[in-house]
Amino acid sequence: MTASFPVGPPYGTSSSFAPSIQFTLDYPPNGASTTCSYTWPAGSQGSATSWTACADSSVQFQFPADGYVALGNFVLAVRETSSPNLSGSVKITSNNQQDPNAYLSCIQYGKFQPSTCQLNGPLSGGKAPITIAAN
């Protein structure tokens, strides 16, 4: 999972910056995987999303409104739309070594640059891979 999130003033990103997130999802039963990504509109601070198809269109993900706090603090929900219709969700936060859900480490690498997030970084409390239990 990698992400680029906007940073506020005084040294934040410009209004032309579009926040984004990308991740690879490995799913059963045959060990398949797919890439999922989302880019919010330029100038936004991100928000909850509707269901969005991954590269394998039988897999979808969303950041549900009831679990979305901010970029770097959200619930990631995934579902498989073909049989066996598996679904699940996980809370993901960032930059808190004491929080086992803090899988992301987000750092701004210079003035006017976005905050770049990665798994297992120096500020991560949880360690990847992120497991999502299927319902």
Protein backbone atom coordinates (compact mmCIF):
# COMPACT_ATOMS: atom_id res chain seq x y z
CA MET A 1 0.00 0.00 0.00
CA THR A 2 1.31 3.41 -0.92
CA ALA A 3 -0.44 6.75 -0.72
CA SER A 4 0.11 10.46 -1.31
CA PHE A 5 -1.93 12.81 0.85
CA PRO A 6 -2.11 16.61 0.90
CA VAL A 7 -0.42 18.61 3.65
CA GLY A 8 -1.90 21.77 5.14
CA PRO A 9 -0.35 25.24 5.43
CA PRO A 10 2.11 26.80 5.70
CA TYR A 11 4.22 24.36 3.65
CA GLY A 12 1.50 22.16 2.24
CA THR A 13 0.64 21.01 -1.21
CA SER A 14 -1.00 23.22 -3.81
CA SER A 15 -4.67 23.08 -4.72
CA SER A 16 -3.72 21.26 -7.94
CA PHE A 17 -2.51 18.21 -5.98
CA ALA A 18 -4.76 15.13 -6.16
CA PRO A 19 -4.49 12.72 -3.20
CA SER A 20 -4.25 9.03 -4.11
CA ILE A 21 -3.89 5.53 -2.70
CA GLN A 22 -2.79 2.25 -4.30
CA PHE A 23 -2.58 -1.26 -2.92
CA THR A 24 -2.31 -4.88 -3.98
CA LEU A 25 -4.90 -7.27 -2.62
CA ASP A 26 -4.11 -10.98 -2.35
CA TYR A 27 -7.28 -13.03 -1.95
CA PRO A 28 -8.41 -16.64 -1.69
CA PRO A 29 -9.14 -19.26 -2.65
CA ASN A 30 -6.47 -19.69 -5.34
CA GLY A 31 -3.90 -17.12 -4.26
CA ALA A 32 -4.97 -14.57 -6.88
CA SER A 33 -4.13 -10.89 -6.50
CA THR A 34 -5.28 -7.60 -7.96
CA THR A 35 -4.23 -3.97 -7.84
CA CYS A 36 -6.63 -1.36 -6.47
CA SER A 37 -6.26 2.42 -6.63
CA TYR A 38 -8.21 5.60 -6.12
CA THR A 39 -7.45 9.25 -6.83
CA TRP A 40 -9.55 11.96 -5.22
CA PRO A 41 -10.22 15.25 -7.03
CA ALA A 42 -7.39 17.79 -7.06
CA GLY A 43 -7.51 20.19 -4.13
CA SER A 44 -9.56 17.85 -1.94
CA GLN A 45 -8.61 16.47 1.44
CA GLY A 46 -10.07 13.08 0.54
CA SER A 47 -13.37 11.67 1.68
CA ALA A 48 -15.38 8.48 1.93
CA THR A 49 -15.89 6.70 -1.39
CA SER A 50 -18.44 4.47 -3.04
CA TRP A 51 -17.53 0.94 -4.17
CA THR A 52 -14.73 1.09 -6.74
CA ALA A 53 -13.56 -1.78 -8.95
CA CYS A 54 -9.99 -3.01 -8.72
CA ALA A 55 -8.02 -4.14 -11.80
CA ASP A 56 -9.85 -7.46 -11.38
CA SER A 57 -13.37 -6.07 -11.65
CA SER A 58 -14.79 -8.91 -9.54
CA VAL A 59 -13.09 -7.25 -6.54
CA GLN A 60 -14.19 -3.86 -5.21
CA PHE A 61 -13.13 -1.60 -2.35
CA GLN A 62 -14.39 1.48 -0.58
CA PHE A 63 -13.65 3.85 2.25
CA PRO A 64 -17.08 3.81 3.96
CA ALA A 65 -18.47 7.02 5.44
CA ASP A 66 -18.99 5.45 8.87
CA GLY A 67 -15.28 4.59 9.08
CA TYR A 68 -13.69 7.54 7.31
CA VAL A 69 -12.05 10.11 9.58
CA ALA A 70 -9.33 11.56 7.34
CA LEU A 71 -6.61 10.53 4.93
CA GLY A 72 -4.39 8.29 7.01
CA ASN A 73 -7.26 7.33 9.35
CA PHE A 74 -9.94 5.25 7.67
CA VAL A 75 -11.62 1.88 7.28
CA LEU A 76 -10.82 -0.04 4.11
CA ALA A 77 -13.64 -2.36 3.03
CA VAL A 78 -13.23 -4.95 0.26
CA ARG A 79 -15.62 -7.36 -1.37
CA GLU A 80 -15.65 -9.96 -4.07
CA THR A 81 -18.66 -9.61 -6.35
CA SER A 82 -18.45 -13.11 -7.84
CA SER A 83 -18.90 -16.36 -5.97
CA PRO A 84 -18.17 -16.92 -3.08
CA ASN A 85 -18.94 -13.22 -2.39
CA LEU A 86 -16.35 -12.69 0.33
CA SER A 87 -16.14 -9.33 2.09
CA GLY A 88 -14.31 -7.76 5.00
CA SER A 89 -12.88 -4.54 6.37
CA VAL A 90 -9.96 -3.26 8.40
CA LYS A 91 -9.18 -0.04 10.28
CA ILE A 92 -6.00 1.66 9.03
CA THR A 93 -4.32 4.58 10.75
CA SER A 94 -0.89 6.20 10.44
CA ASN A 95 2.07 7.57 12.37
CA ASN A 96 1.47 5.99 15.78
CA GLN A 97 3.94 3.33 16.83
CA GLN A 98 1.68 2.39 19.77
CA ASP A 99 -1.35 1.65 17.54
CA PRO A 100 -1.45 -1.84 15.98
CA ASN A 101 -3.75 -0.40 13.26
CA ALA A 102 -1.15 2.21 12.27
CA TYR A 103 0.07 0.31 9.23
CA LEU A 104 1.00 3.50 7.36
CA SER A 105 4.02 5.66 7.98
CA CYS A 106 3.41 9.09 6.37
CA ILE A 107 6.22 11.62 5.94
CA GLN A 108 6.42 14.93 4.06
CA TYR A 109 9.71 15.01 2.14
CA GLY A 110 10.17 18.76 1.71
CA LYS A 111 8.17 21.96 1.56
CA PHE A 112 5.12 21.97 -0.70
CA GLN A 113 5.36 18.19 -1.19
CA PRO A 114 2.59 15.73 -0.35
CA SER A 115 2.78 13.39 2.59
CA THR A 116 4.01 10.07 1.20
CA CYS A 117 2.78 6.98 3.01
CA GLN A 118 4.08 3.42 2.97
CA LEU A 119 3.62 0.21 4.88
CA ASN A 120 6.13 -0.80 7.56
CA GLY A 121 7.77 2.62 7.70
CA PRO A 122 9.51 4.14 10.73
CA LEU A 123 6.24 5.52 12.19
CA SER A 124 4.16 2.35 11.67
CA GLY A 125 2.74 0.56 14.70
CA GLY A 126 1.25 -2.35 12.78
CA LYS A 127 3.24 -4.44 10.36
CA ALA A 128 2.18 -5.63 6.93
CA PRO A 129 0.76 -7.67 5.47
CA ILE A 130 -2.61 -6.32 6.54
CA THR A 131 -5.04 -9.17 7.11
CA ILE A 132 -8.72 -8.63 6.34
CA ALA A 133 -10.93 -11.38 7.76
CA ALA A 134 -13.55 -12.49 5.26
CA ASN A 135 -17.23 -12.50 6.23
